[in-house]
Amino acid sequence: MINVESQGRDATVPTHGYLKIDATSFQAQFDREPLGFHHDLHNLALFSDSAIRSLVAKFDAHPEDYYVAASAPAAGSEFFSVPRAAGGPSAALEQLDSGATRILLKRPENHDAGFRQLMNDLFSEVMALRGGLRGERLVRLESAVFITSAASTTPFHFDPEIAFFFQIEGDKSYHVYPPASLREADLEKFYLRGQVSIGQVDLKACDSTLERVFELHAGVGFHQPQNSPHWVQTRASRSVSYSFVYETDATRARGRARACNYYLRKVGMQPFKPGSRPVLDAVKAGAMRMVIPVRNRVGAQLRSMRAK
């Protein structure tokens, strides 16, 4: 179990006053191992109860920007097997105490200027800790707000992006594995689809000794590396959390290199893991730049034909 309170504050790097991250640990663990930290986001007016209600109401007319679902019956449930809830996020917010419900508000920065400023400030802080993008190009930066009933479970999955997670209200147990715990073959199947979406993996196939549990409460957060499988459970009261994620041209290229490795593995080869041969990775990624979109279009056409 990870106790963030035990991490020292002497070497922290305060910038806007939001993040308090051990700089040495950040350099050692960034995008490789989960890392706990403290923050001050829970003190912002953006996350007051009235502000949350106002934000939720803005999403009702934008179904493409929210996801409302019941709690998963178990951590190992398939992510999209959990039924979505009827109605919009405002209705779900009023029903949090009567049933286990999960509300995801996607891209609040597109609906509230305060959230755009917050996201940009936090990203600037992270880049200051990292030393900038180091020649990479930012291709995606967005945030999310999670509002969840007590005793609710988000099932096991991974996300293809670098994430920073902040607990605002309530308590939450966040079970996370380092990205190295995933089999390359599973990652290759996911990146073959060329999607920025949920990655489904089997919890039972993961080495339980690699699991780390972050006990989160207001003012505590953690960094989640790209492709870190995880599942989450809220505790005795409503939970409000915030996160921001980003991708660069380099992280996207690693995904395309893995897609290429899928085909190499199919013909009996044992391809190098992305990162071990950067020049070869670039060749693989370039080769897949056209293949993935064409494959997706053909797959969509075939599915359409089967449905008729």
C-alpha atoms as a PDB file:
ATOM      1  CA  MET A   1       0.000   0.000   0.000  1.00  0.00           C
ATOM      2  CA  ILE A   2       1.296   3.461  -0.867  1.00  0.00           C
ATOM      3  CA  ASN A   3       1.089   6.035   1.911  1.00  0.00           C
ATOM      4  CA  VAL A   4       1.637   9.391   0.250  1.00  0.00           C
ATOM      5  CA  GLU A   5       1.783  11.061   3.669  1.00  0.00           C
ATOM      6  CA  SER A   6       5.114   9.309   4.302  1.00  0.00           C
ATOM      7  CA  GLN A   7       6.804  11.015   1.369  1.00  0.00           C
ATOM      8  CA  GLY A   8       8.930  13.984   2.428  1.00  0.00           C
ATOM      9  CA  ARG A   9       8.038  17.547   1.493  1.00  0.00           C
ATOM     10  CA  ASP A  10      11.538  19.055   1.769  1.00  0.00           C
ATOM     11  CA  ALA A  11      12.407  18.386  -1.895  1.00  0.00           C
ATOM     12  CA  THR A  12       9.047  19.393  -3.328  1.00  0.00           C
ATOM     13  CA  VAL A  13       8.712  21.874  -6.161  1.00  0.00           C
ATOM     14  CA  PRO A  14       5.843  24.376  -5.593  1.00  0.00           C
ATOM     15  CA  THR A  15       5.073  26.439  -8.708  1.00  0.00           C
ATOM     16  CA  HIS A  16       1.484  27.691  -8.923  1.00  0.00           C
ATOM     17  CA  GLY A  17       0.968  26.256  -5.449  1.00  0.00           C
ATOM     18  CA  TYR A  18      -1.015  23.289  -6.773  1.00  0.00           C
ATOM     19  CA  LEU A  19       1.490  20.437  -6.984  1.00  0.00           C
ATOM     20  CA  LYS A  20       3.878  19.258  -4.294  1.00  0.00           C
ATOM     21  CA  ILE A  21       5.913  16.495  -5.899  1.00  0.00           C
ATOM     22  CA  ASP A  22       9.263  15.151  -4.803  1.00  0.00           C
ATOM     23  CA  ALA A  23      11.486  16.302  -7.680  1.00  0.00           C
ATOM     24  CA  THR A  24      14.002  13.461  -7.384  1.00  0.00           C
ATOM     25  CA  SER A  25      11.288  10.809  -7.359  1.00  0.00           C
ATOM     26  CA  PHE A  26       9.594  12.498 -10.302  1.00  0.00           C
ATOM     27  CA  GLN A  27      12.720  12.301 -12.431  1.00  0.00           C
ATOM     28  CA  ALA A  28      13.244   8.648 -11.514  1.00  0.00           C
ATOM     29  CA  GLN A  29       9.642   7.465 -11.969  1.00  0.00           C
ATOM     30  CA  PHE A  30       8.005   9.706 -14.577  1.00  0.00           C
ATOM     31  CA  ASP A  31       6.121   7.571 -17.129  1.00  0.00           C
ATOM     32  CA  ARG A  32       7.700   4.421 -15.707  1.00  0.00           C
ATOM     33  CA  GLU A  33       6.279   3.894 -12.207  1.00  0.00           C
ATOM     34  CA  PRO A  34       3.233   5.360 -10.405  1.00  0.00           C
ATOM     35  CA  LEU A  35       4.189   8.221  -8.089  1.00  0.00           C
ATOM     36  CA  GLY A  36       2.191   9.784  -5.251  1.00  0.00           C
ATOM     37  CA  PHE A  37       2.071  13.502  -4.479  1.00  0.00           C
ATOM     38  CA  HIS A  38       0.126  16.214  -2.653  1.00  0.00           C
ATOM     39  CA  HIS A  39      -1.878  19.030  -4.197  1.00  0.00           C
ATOM     40  CA  ASP A  40      -4.146  21.967  -3.304  1.00  0.00           C
ATOM     41  CA  LEU A  41      -6.888  21.572  -5.913  1.00  0.00           C
ATOM     42  CA  HIS A  42      -9.526  20.634  -3.344  1.00  0.00           C
ATOM     43  CA  ASN A  43      -9.357  24.187  -2.001  1.00  0.00           C
ATOM     44  CA  LEU A  44     -10.337  25.757  -5.333  1.00  0.00           C
ATOM     45  CA  ALA A  45     -13.778  27.325  -5.840  1.00  0.00           C
ATOM     46  CA  LEU A  46     -13.975  25.295  -9.081  1.00  0.00           C
ATOM     47  CA  PHE A  47     -14.643  22.212  -6.959  1.00  0.00           C
ATOM     48  CA  SER A  48     -17.197  23.599  -4.494  1.00  0.00           C
ATOM     49  CA  ASP A  49     -20.509  21.748  -4.427  1.00  0.00           C
ATOM     50  CA  SER A  50     -22.336  24.583  -6.189  1.00  0.00           C
ATOM     51  CA  ALA A  51     -19.633  24.839  -8.862  1.00  0.00           C
ATOM     52  CA  ILE A  52     -19.765  21.086  -9.464  1.00  0.00           C
ATOM     53  CA  ARG A  53     -23.542  21.222  -9.887  1.00  0.00           C
ATOM     54  CA  SER A  54     -23.220  24.119 -12.304  1.00  0.00           C
ATOM     55  CA  LEU A  55     -20.567  22.261 -14.300  1.00  0.00           C
ATOM     56  CA  VAL A  56     -22.646  19.082 -14.466  1.00  0.00           C
ATOM     57  CA  ALA A  57     -25.627  21.016 -15.835  1.00  0.00           C
ATOM     58  CA  LYS A  58     -23.516  22.305 -18.707  1.00  0.00           C
ATOM     59  CA  PHE A  59     -22.913  18.725 -19.871  1.00  0.00           C
ATOM     60  CA  ASP A  60     -26.552  17.602 -20.147  1.00  0.00           C
ATOM     61  CA  ALA A  61     -26.827  18.853 -23.735  1.00  0.00           C
ATOM     62  CA  HIS A  62     -23.490  17.296 -24.760  1.00  0.00           C
ATOM     63  CA  PRO A  63     -23.767  13.490 -24.627  1.00  0.00           C
ATOM     64  CA  GLU A  64     -20.489  13.127 -26.522  1.00  0.00           C
ATOM     65  CA  ASP A  65     -18.737  14.658 -23.523  1.00  0.00           C
ATOM     66  CA  TYR A  66     -20.057  12.538 -20.673  1.00  0.00           C
ATOM     67  CA  TYR A  67     -20.259   8.895 -19.648  1.00  0.00           C
ATOM     68  CA  VAL A  68     -22.670   7.714 -16.952  1.00  0.00           C
ATOM     69  CA  ALA A  69     -22.620   4.078 -15.881  1.00  0.00           C
ATOM     70  CA  ALA A  70     -23.377   1.813 -12.959  1.00  0.00           C
ATOM     71  CA  SER A  71     -20.717   0.387 -10.695  1.00  0.00           C
ATOM     72  CA  ALA A  72     -18.951  -2.684 -12.052  1.00  0.00           C
ATOM     73  CA  PRO A  73     -19.919  -5.896 -10.195  1.00  0.00           C
ATOM     74  CA  ALA A  74     -16.230  -6.795  -9.822  1.00  0.00           C
ATOM     75  CA  ALA A  75     -12.804  -5.351 -10.518  1.00  0.00           C
ATOM     76  CA  GLY A  76     -12.220  -7.902 -13.273  1.00  0.00           C
ATOM     77  CA  SER A  77     -15.445  -7.129 -15.178  1.00  0.00           C
ATOM     78  CA  GLU A  78     -15.132  -6.137 -18.827  1.00  0.00           C
ATOM     79  CA  PHE A  79     -15.169  -2.359 -18.938  1.00  0.00           C
ATOM     80  CA  PHE A  80     -17.955  -1.864 -21.474  1.00  0.00           C
ATOM     81  CA  SER A  81     -20.057  -4.754 -20.171  1.00  0.00           C
ATOM     82  CA  VAL A  82     -21.220  -2.489 -17.339  1.00  0.00           C
ATOM     83  CA  PRO A  83     -24.572  -0.943 -18.340  1.00  0.00           C
ATOM     84  CA  ARG A  84     -24.743   2.774 -19.015  1.00  0.00           C
ATOM     85  CA  ALA A  85     -27.258   4.696 -16.948  1.00  0.00           C
ATOM     86  CA  ALA A  86     -30.303   6.340 -18.499  1.00  0.00           C
ATOM     87  CA  GLY A  87     -30.508  10.114 -18.419  1.00  0.00           C
ATOM     88  CA  GLY A  88     -27.856  12.784 -18.287  1.00  0.00           C
ATOM     89  CA  PRO A  89     -25.289  13.690 -15.647  1.00  0.00           C
ATOM     90  CA  SER A  90     -27.610  16.081 -13.760  1.00  0.00           C
ATOM     91  CA  ALA A  91     -30.114  13.291 -13.175  1.00  0.00           C
ATOM     92  CA  ALA A  92     -27.319  10.918 -12.199  1.00  0.00           C
ATOM     93  CA  LEU A  93     -25.927  13.454  -9.718  1.00  0.00           C
ATOM     94  CA  GLU A  94     -29.257  13.538  -7.887  1.00  0.00           C
ATOM     95  CA  GLN A  95     -29.301   9.736  -7.712  1.00  0.00           C
ATOM     96  CA  LEU A  96     -25.796   9.159  -6.355  1.00  0.00           C
ATOM     97  CA  ASP A  97     -27.137   8.251  -2.914  1.00  0.00           C
ATOM     98  CA  SER A  98     -29.749   5.818  -4.213  1.00  0.00           C
ATOM     99  CA  GLY A  99     -27.584   3.643  -6.436  1.00  0.00           C
ATOM    100  CA  ALA A 100     -23.959   3.007  -7.321  1.00  0.00           C
ATOM    101  CA  THR A 101     -23.280   5.381 -10.217  1.00  0.00           C
ATOM    102  CA  ARG A 102     -20.171   6.682 -11.984  1.00  0.00           C
ATOM    103  CA  ILE A 103     -20.225  10.040 -13.802  1.00  0.00           C
ATOM    104  CA  LEU A 104     -17.386  11.010 -16.122  1.00  0.00           C
ATOM    105  CA  LEU A 105     -17.327  14.576 -17.446  1.00  0.00           C
ATOM    106  CA  LYS A 106     -14.953  14.697 -20.398  1.00  0.00           C
ATOM    107  CA  ARG A 107     -13.029  17.803 -21.416  1.00  0.00           C
ATOM    108  CA  PRO A 108     -14.515  20.280 -18.884  1.00  0.00           C
ATOM    109  CA  GLU A 109     -12.048  22.834 -20.273  1.00  0.00           C
ATOM    110  CA  ASN A 110     -14.349  23.106 -23.314  1.00  0.00           C
ATOM    111  CA  HIS A 111     -17.263  24.077 -21.065  1.00  0.00           C
ATOM    112  CA  ASP A 112     -15.654  26.237 -18.393  1.00  0.00           C
ATOM    113  CA  ALA A 113     -12.735  28.656 -18.816  1.00  0.00           C
ATOM    114  CA  GLY A 114     -11.627  28.028 -15.231  1.00  0.00           C
ATOM    115  CA  PHE A 115     -10.956  24.382 -16.009  1.00  0.00           C
ATOM    116  CA  ARG A 116      -8.955  25.328 -19.102  1.00  0.00           C
ATOM    117  CA  GLN A 117      -6.767  27.608 -17.012  1.00  0.00           C
ATOM    118  CA  LEU A 118      -6.343  24.912 -14.367  1.00  0.00           C
ATOM    119  CA  MET A 119      -5.366  22.276 -16.937  1.00  0.00           C
ATOM    120  CA  ASN A 120      -2.845  24.581 -18.586  1.00  0.00           C
ATOM    121  CA  ASP A 121      -1.341  25.601 -15.240  1.00  0.00           C
ATOM    122  CA  LEU A 122      -0.962  21.985 -14.109  1.00  0.00           C
ATOM    123  CA  PHE A 123       0.570  20.944 -17.410  1.00  0.00           C
ATOM    124  CA  SER A 124       3.062  23.824 -17.097  1.00  0.00           C
ATOM    125  CA  GLU A 125       4.016  22.606 -13.631  1.00  0.00           C
ATOM    126  CA  VAL A 126       4.592  19.076 -14.867  1.00  0.00           C
ATOM    127  CA  MET A 127       6.664  20.309 -17.786  1.00  0.00           C
ATOM    128  CA  ALA A 128       8.772  22.397 -15.404  1.00  0.00           C
ATOM    129  CA  LEU A 129       9.470  19.269 -13.369  1.00  0.00           C
ATOM    130  CA  ARG A 130      10.241  17.230 -16.470  1.00  0.00           C
ATOM    131  CA  GLY A 131      12.367  19.875 -18.168  1.00  0.00           C
ATOM    132  CA  GLY A 132       9.926  20.583 -20.992  1.00  0.00           C
ATOM    133  CA  LEU A 133       8.786  18.348 -23.814  1.00  0.00           C
ATOM    134  CA  ARG A 134      12.391  17.606 -24.766  1.00  0.00           C
ATOM    135  CA  GLY A 135      11.820  17.854 -28.491  1.00  0.00           C
ATOM    136  CA  GLU A 136       8.460  16.081 -28.489  1.00  0.00           C
ATOM    137  CA  ARG A 137       5.334  17.712 -29.896  1.00  0.00           C
ATOM    138  CA  LEU A 138       2.123  17.857 -27.864  1.00  0.00           C
ATOM    139  CA  VAL A 139      -0.742  16.241 -29.807  1.00  0.00           C
ATOM    140  CA  ARG A 140      -3.417  15.891 -27.118  1.00  0.00           C
ATOM    141  CA  LEU A 141      -4.071  17.540 -23.762  1.00  0.00           C
ATOM    142  CA  GLU A 142      -7.389  17.195 -21.966  1.00  0.00           C
ATOM    143  CA  SER A 143      -8.887  16.770 -18.540  1.00  0.00           C
ATOM    144  CA  ALA A 144     -11.809  15.030 -16.841  1.00  0.00           C
ATOM    145  CA  VAL A 145     -13.935  15.207 -13.702  1.00  0.00           C
ATOM    146  CA  PHE A 146     -15.122  11.988 -12.029  1.00  0.00           C
ATOM    147  CA  ILE A 147     -18.110  12.016  -9.666  1.00  0.00           C
ATOM    148  CA  THR A 148     -18.852   8.631  -8.135  1.00  0.00           C
ATOM    149  CA  SER A 149     -21.206   7.095  -5.594  1.00  0.00           C
ATOM    150  CA  ALA A 150     -19.902   5.486  -2.436  1.00  0.00           C
ATOM    151  CA  ALA A 151     -18.791   1.848  -2.711  1.00  0.00           C
ATOM    152  CA  SER A 152     -18.532   1.913  -6.511  1.00  0.00           C
ATOM    153  CA  THR A 153     -16.030   0.042  -8.656  1.00  0.00           C
ATOM    154  CA  THR A 154     -14.406   1.073 -11.914  1.00  0.00           C
ATOM    155  CA  PRO A 155     -13.214  -2.124 -13.627  1.00  0.00           C
ATOM    156  CA  PHE A 156      -9.686  -3.047 -14.619  1.00  0.00           C
ATOM    157  CA  HIS A 157      -8.307  -1.382 -17.767  1.00  0.00           C
ATOM    158  CA  PHE A 158      -5.462   0.763 -19.041  1.00  0.00           C
ATOM    159  CA  ASP A 159      -5.325   4.132 -20.812  1.00  0.00           C
ATOM    160  CA  PRO A 160      -2.986   5.033 -23.700  1.00  0.00           C
ATOM    161  CA  GLU A 161      -1.887   8.348 -22.221  1.00  0.00           C
ATOM    162  CA  ILE A 162       0.227   9.908 -19.479  1.00  0.00           C
ATOM    163  CA  ALA A 163      -2.009  10.931 -16.579  1.00  0.00           C
ATOM    164  CA  PHE A 164      -2.017  12.936 -13.356  1.00  0.00           C
ATOM    165  CA  PHE A 165      -4.872  12.156 -10.960  1.00  0.00           C
ATOM    166  CA  PHE A 166      -6.147  14.386  -8.116  1.00  0.00           C
ATOM    167  CA  GLN A 167      -8.558  13.397  -5.355  1.00  0.00           C
ATOM    168  CA  ILE A 168     -10.853  16.317  -4.494  1.00  0.00           C
ATOM    169  CA  GLU A 169     -13.541  14.903  -2.192  1.00  0.00           C
ATOM    170  CA  GLY A 170     -14.132  11.561  -0.472  1.00  0.00           C
ATOM    171  CA  ASP A 171     -11.858   8.530  -0.253  1.00  0.00           C
ATOM    172  CA  LYS A 172     -10.824   6.218  -3.050  1.00  0.00           C
ATOM    173  CA  SER A 173      -8.591   3.133  -3.295  1.00  0.00           C
ATOM    174  CA  TYR A 174      -6.697   3.192  -6.572  1.00  0.00           C
ATOM    175  CA  HIS A 175      -5.141  -0.155  -7.526  1.00  0.00           C
ATOM    176  CA  VAL A 176      -2.498   0.355 -10.202  1.00  0.00           C
ATOM    177  CA  TYR A 177       0.241  -1.667 -11.878  1.00  0.00           C
ATOM    178  CA  PRO A 178       3.312  -0.283 -13.666  1.00  0.00           C
ATOM    179  CA  PRO A 179       3.115  -0.387 -17.487  1.00  0.00           C
ATOM    180  CA  ALA A 180       5.841  -3.044 -17.551  1.00  0.00           C
ATOM    181  CA  SER A 181       3.335  -5.473 -16.006  1.00  0.00           C
ATOM    182  CA  LEU A 182       1.465  -5.737 -19.322  1.00  0.00           C
ATOM    183  CA  ARG A 183       2.450  -8.246 -21.980  1.00  0.00           C
ATOM    184  CA  GLU A 184       3.680  -6.662 -25.181  1.00  0.00           C
ATOM    185  CA  ALA A 185       1.310  -8.910 -27.159  1.00  0.00           C
ATOM    186  CA  ASP A 186      -1.682  -7.364 -25.334  1.00  0.00           C
ATOM    187  CA  LEU A 187      -0.453  -3.833 -26.016  1.00  0.00           C
ATOM    188  CA  GLU A 188       0.147  -4.662 -29.672  1.00  0.00           C
ATOM    189  CA  LYS A 189      -3.438  -5.846 -30.145  1.00  0.00           C
ATOM    190  CA  PHE A 190      -4.718  -2.602 -28.639  1.00  0.00           C
ATOM    191  CA  TYR A 191      -2.529  -0.241 -30.649  1.00  0.00           C
ATOM    192  CA  LEU A 192      -3.306  -2.123 -33.845  1.00  0.00           C
ATOM    193  CA  ARG A 193      -6.743  -0.486 -33.688  1.00  0.00           C
ATOM    194  CA  GLY A 194      -5.233   3.010 -33.647  1.00  0.00           C
ATOM    195  CA  GLN A 195      -7.660   4.201 -30.960  1.00  0.00           C
ATOM    196  CA  VAL A 196      -7.388   6.635 -28.068  1.00  0.00           C
ATOM    197  CA  SER A 197      -9.686   4.657 -25.812  1.00  0.00           C
ATOM    198  CA  ILE A 198      -9.980   2.120 -23.020  1.00  0.00           C
ATOM    199  CA  GLY A 199      -7.608  -0.850 -23.180  1.00  0.00           C
ATOM    200  CA  GLN A 200      -9.153  -4.077 -21.889  1.00  0.00           C
ATOM    201  CA  VAL A 201      -6.856  -6.577 -20.155  1.00  0.00           C
ATOM    202  CA  ASP A 202      -7.365  -9.577 -17.875  1.00  0.00           C
ATOM    203  CA  LEU A 203      -6.820  -8.773 -14.194  1.00  0.00           C
ATOM    204  CA  LYS A 204      -6.110 -12.426 -13.383  1.00  0.00           C
ATOM    205  CA  ALA A 205      -3.235 -12.450 -15.893  1.00  0.00           C
ATOM    206  CA  CYS A 206      -1.371  -9.668 -14.074  1.00  0.00           C
ATOM    207  CA  ASP A 207       1.247 -10.398 -11.427  1.00  0.00           C
ATOM    208  CA  SER A 208      -0.421  -9.402  -8.157  1.00  0.00           C
ATOM    209  CA  THR A 209       2.960  -8.710  -6.554  1.00  0.00           C
ATOM    210  CA  LEU A 210       3.301  -5.686  -8.863  1.00  0.00           C
ATOM    211  CA  GLU A 211       0.072  -4.086  -7.669  1.00  0.00           C
ATOM    212  CA  ARG A 212       0.350  -0.782  -5.820  1.00  0.00           C
ATOM    213  CA  VAL A 213      -2.581   0.663  -3.894  1.00  0.00           C
ATOM    214  CA  PHE A 214      -2.892   4.420  -3.468  1.00  0.00           C
ATOM    215  CA  GLU A 215      -5.282   5.385  -0.680  1.00  0.00           C
ATOM    216  CA  LEU A 216      -6.501   8.742  -1.939  1.00  0.00           C
ATOM    217  CA  HIS A 217      -8.288  11.520  -0.073  1.00  0.00           C
ATOM    218  CA  ALA A 218      -8.692  15.253  -0.600  1.00  0.00           C
ATOM    219  CA  GLY A 219      -5.302  16.791  -1.318  1.00  0.00           C
ATOM    220  CA  VAL A 220      -3.631  13.556  -2.433  1.00  0.00           C
ATOM    221  CA  GLY A 221      -2.981  12.431  -5.993  1.00  0.00           C
ATOM    222  CA  PHE A 222      -0.634  10.374  -8.090  1.00  0.00           C
ATOM    223  CA  HIS A 223       1.015  10.174 -11.486  1.00  0.00           C
ATOM    224  CA  GLN A 224      -0.124   7.301 -13.703  1.00  0.00           C
ATOM    225  CA  PRO A 225       2.277   6.361 -16.518  1.00  0.00           C
ATOM    226  CA  GLN A 226       0.997   5.546 -19.989  1.00  0.00           C
ATOM    227  CA  ASN A 227      -0.456   2.005 -20.242  1.00  0.00           C
ATOM    228  CA  SER A 228      -0.653   1.456 -16.475  1.00  0.00           C
ATOM    229  CA  PRO A 229      -3.490  -1.026 -15.827  1.00  0.00           C
ATOM    230  CA  HIS A 230      -5.694  -0.120 -12.884  1.00  0.00           C
ATOM    231  CA  TRP A 231      -9.023  -0.477 -11.129  1.00  0.00           C
ATOM    232  CA  VAL A 232     -10.649   1.840  -8.610  1.00  0.00           C
ATOM    233  CA  GLN A 233     -13.051   1.608  -5.680  1.00  0.00           C
ATOM    234  CA  THR A 234     -14.666   4.456  -3.754  1.00  0.00           C
ATOM    235  CA  ARG A 235     -15.211   4.230  -0.023  1.00  0.00           C
ATOM    236  CA  ALA A 236     -18.002   5.393   2.314  1.00  0.00           C
ATOM    237  CA  SER A 237     -19.036   8.655   0.659  1.00  0.00           C
ATOM    238  CA  ARG A 238     -19.330  10.450  -2.657  1.00  0.00           C
ATOM    239  CA  SER A 239     -16.045  10.830  -4.486  1.00  0.00           C
ATOM    240  CA  VAL A 240     -14.982  13.737  -6.709  1.00  0.00           C
ATOM    241  CA  SER A 241     -11.735  13.448  -8.639  1.00  0.00           C
ATOM    242  CA  TYR A 242      -9.975  15.377 -11.377  1.00  0.00           C
ATOM    243  CA  SER A 243      -7.346  14.284 -13.865  1.00  0.00           C
ATOM    244  CA  PHE A 244      -5.520  15.562 -16.875  1.00  0.00           C
ATOM    245  CA  VAL A 245      -3.863  13.456 -19.556  1.00  0.00           C
ATOM    246  CA  TYR A 246      -1.642  14.134 -22.488  1.00  0.00           C
ATOM    247  CA  GLU A 247      -0.020  12.493 -25.492  1.00  0.00           C
ATOM    248  CA  THR A 248       2.899  13.584 -27.647  1.00  0.00           C
ATOM    249  CA  ASP A 249       4.010  12.620 -31.122  1.00  0.00           C
ATOM    250  CA  ALA A 250       6.553  10.319 -29.427  1.00  0.00           C
ATOM    251  CA  THR A 251       3.987   8.455 -27.302  1.00  0.00           C
ATOM    252  CA  ARG A 252       1.746   8.038 -30.357  1.00  0.00           C
ATOM    253  CA  ALA A 253       4.722   6.754 -32.376  1.00  0.00           C
ATOM    254  CA  ARG A 254       5.441   4.100 -29.740  1.00  0.00           C
ATOM    255  CA  GLY A 255       1.868   2.907 -30.163  1.00  0.00           C
ATOM    256  CA  ARG A 256       2.303   2.615 -33.943  1.00  0.00           C
ATOM    257  CA  ALA A 257       5.586   0.735 -33.425  1.00  0.00           C
ATOM    258  CA  ARG A 258       3.695  -1.739 -31.246  1.00  0.00           C
ATOM    259  CA  ALA A 259       1.085  -2.134 -33.982  1.00  0.00           C
ATOM    260  CA  CYS A 260       3.874  -3.003 -36.402  1.00  0.00           C
ATOM    261  CA  ASN A 261       5.236  -5.519 -33.903  1.00  0.00           C
ATOM    262  CA  TYR A 262       1.848  -7.246 -33.963  1.00  0.00           C
ATOM    263  CA  TYR A 263       2.331  -8.089 -37.628  1.00  0.00           C
ATOM    264  CA  LEU A 264       5.953  -9.108 -37.089  1.00  0.00           C
ATOM    265  CA  ARG A 265       4.892 -11.449 -34.296  1.00  0.00           C
ATOM    266  CA  LYS A 266       2.209 -12.960 -36.550  1.00  0.00           C
ATOM    267  CA  VAL A 267       4.874 -14.111 -39.019  1.00  0.00           C
ATOM    268  CA  GLY A 268       6.952 -15.735 -36.298  1.00  0.00           C
ATOM    269  CA  MET A 269       9.385 -12.959 -35.439  1.00  0.00           C
ATOM    270  CA  GLN A 270      10.253 -11.776 -31.932  1.00  0.00           C
ATOM    271  CA  PRO A 271      10.268  -7.978 -32.364  1.00  0.00           C
ATOM    272  CA  PHE A 272      12.160  -5.576 -30.129  1.00  0.00           C
ATOM    273  CA  LYS A 273      10.133  -3.782 -27.481  1.00  0.00           C
ATOM    274  CA  PRO A 274       9.606  -0.080 -28.294  1.00  0.00           C
ATOM    275  CA  GLY A 275      12.320   2.049 -26.744  1.00  0.00           C
ATOM    276  CA  SER A 276      15.147  -0.427 -27.138  1.00  0.00           C
ATOM    277  CA  ARG A 277      15.880   0.476 -30.791  1.00  0.00           C
ATOM    278  CA  PRO A 278      14.767   4.098 -31.391  1.00  0.00           C
ATOM    279  CA  VAL A 279      15.756   4.193 -35.070  1.00  0.00           C
ATOM    280  CA  LEU A 280      13.915   0.947 -35.748  1.00  0.00           C
ATOM    281  CA  ASP A 281      10.917   2.250 -33.781  1.00  0.00           C
ATOM    282  CA  ALA A 282      10.754   5.264 -36.103  1.00  0.00           C
ATOM    283  CA  VAL A 283      10.756   3.004 -39.173  1.00  0.00           C
ATOM    284  CA  LYS A 284       7.975   0.841 -37.717  1.00  0.00           C
ATOM    285  CA  ALA A 285       5.886   3.859 -36.721  1.00  0.00           C
ATOM    286  CA  GLY A 286       6.265   5.405 -40.163  1.00  0.00           C
ATOM    287  CA  ALA A 287       5.239   2.166 -41.840  1.00  0.00           C
ATOM    288  CA  MET A 288       2.045   2.005 -39.766  1.00  0.00           C
ATOM    289  CA  ARG A 289       1.045   5.641 -40.267  1.00  0.00           C
ATOM    290  CA  MET A 290      -0.963   4.714 -43.371  1.00  0.00           C
ATOM    291  CA  VAL A 291      -1.707   1.078 -42.555  1.00  0.00           C
ATOM    292  CA  ILE A 292      -3.782   1.722 -39.398  1.00  0.00           C
ATOM    293  CA  PRO A 293      -6.257   4.229 -40.956  1.00  0.00           C
ATOM    294  CA  VAL A 294      -6.753   1.969 -44.001  1.00  0.00           C
ATOM    295  CA  ARG A 295      -7.250  -1.071 -41.771  1.00  0.00           C
ATOM    296  CA  ASN A 296      -9.822   0.802 -39.683  1.00  0.00           C
ATOM    297  CA  ARG A 297     -11.767   1.949 -42.740  1.00  0.00           C
ATOM    298  CA  VAL A 298     -11.846  -1.575 -44.189  1.00  0.00           C
ATOM    299  CA  GLY A 299     -12.930  -2.975 -40.815  1.00  0.00           C
ATOM    300  CA  ALA A 300     -15.753  -0.420 -40.569  1.00  0.00           C
ATOM    301  CA  GLN A 301     -16.951  -1.290 -44.084  1.00  0.00           C
ATOM    302  CA  LEU A 302     -16.933  -5.013 -43.313  1.00  0.00           C
ATOM    303  CA  ARG A 303     -18.900  -4.478 -40.100  1.00  0.00           C
ATOM    304  CA  SER A 304     -21.414  -2.375 -42.015  1.00  0.00           C
ATOM    305  CA  MET A 305     -21.859  -5.070 -44.635  1.00  0.00           C
ATOM    306  CA  ARG A 306     -22.370  -7.763 -41.991  1.00  0.00           C
ATOM    307  CA  ALA A 307     -25.056  -5.649 -40.310  1.00  0.00           C
ATOM    308  CA  LYS A 308     -27.156  -5.455 -43.488  1.00  0.00           C
END
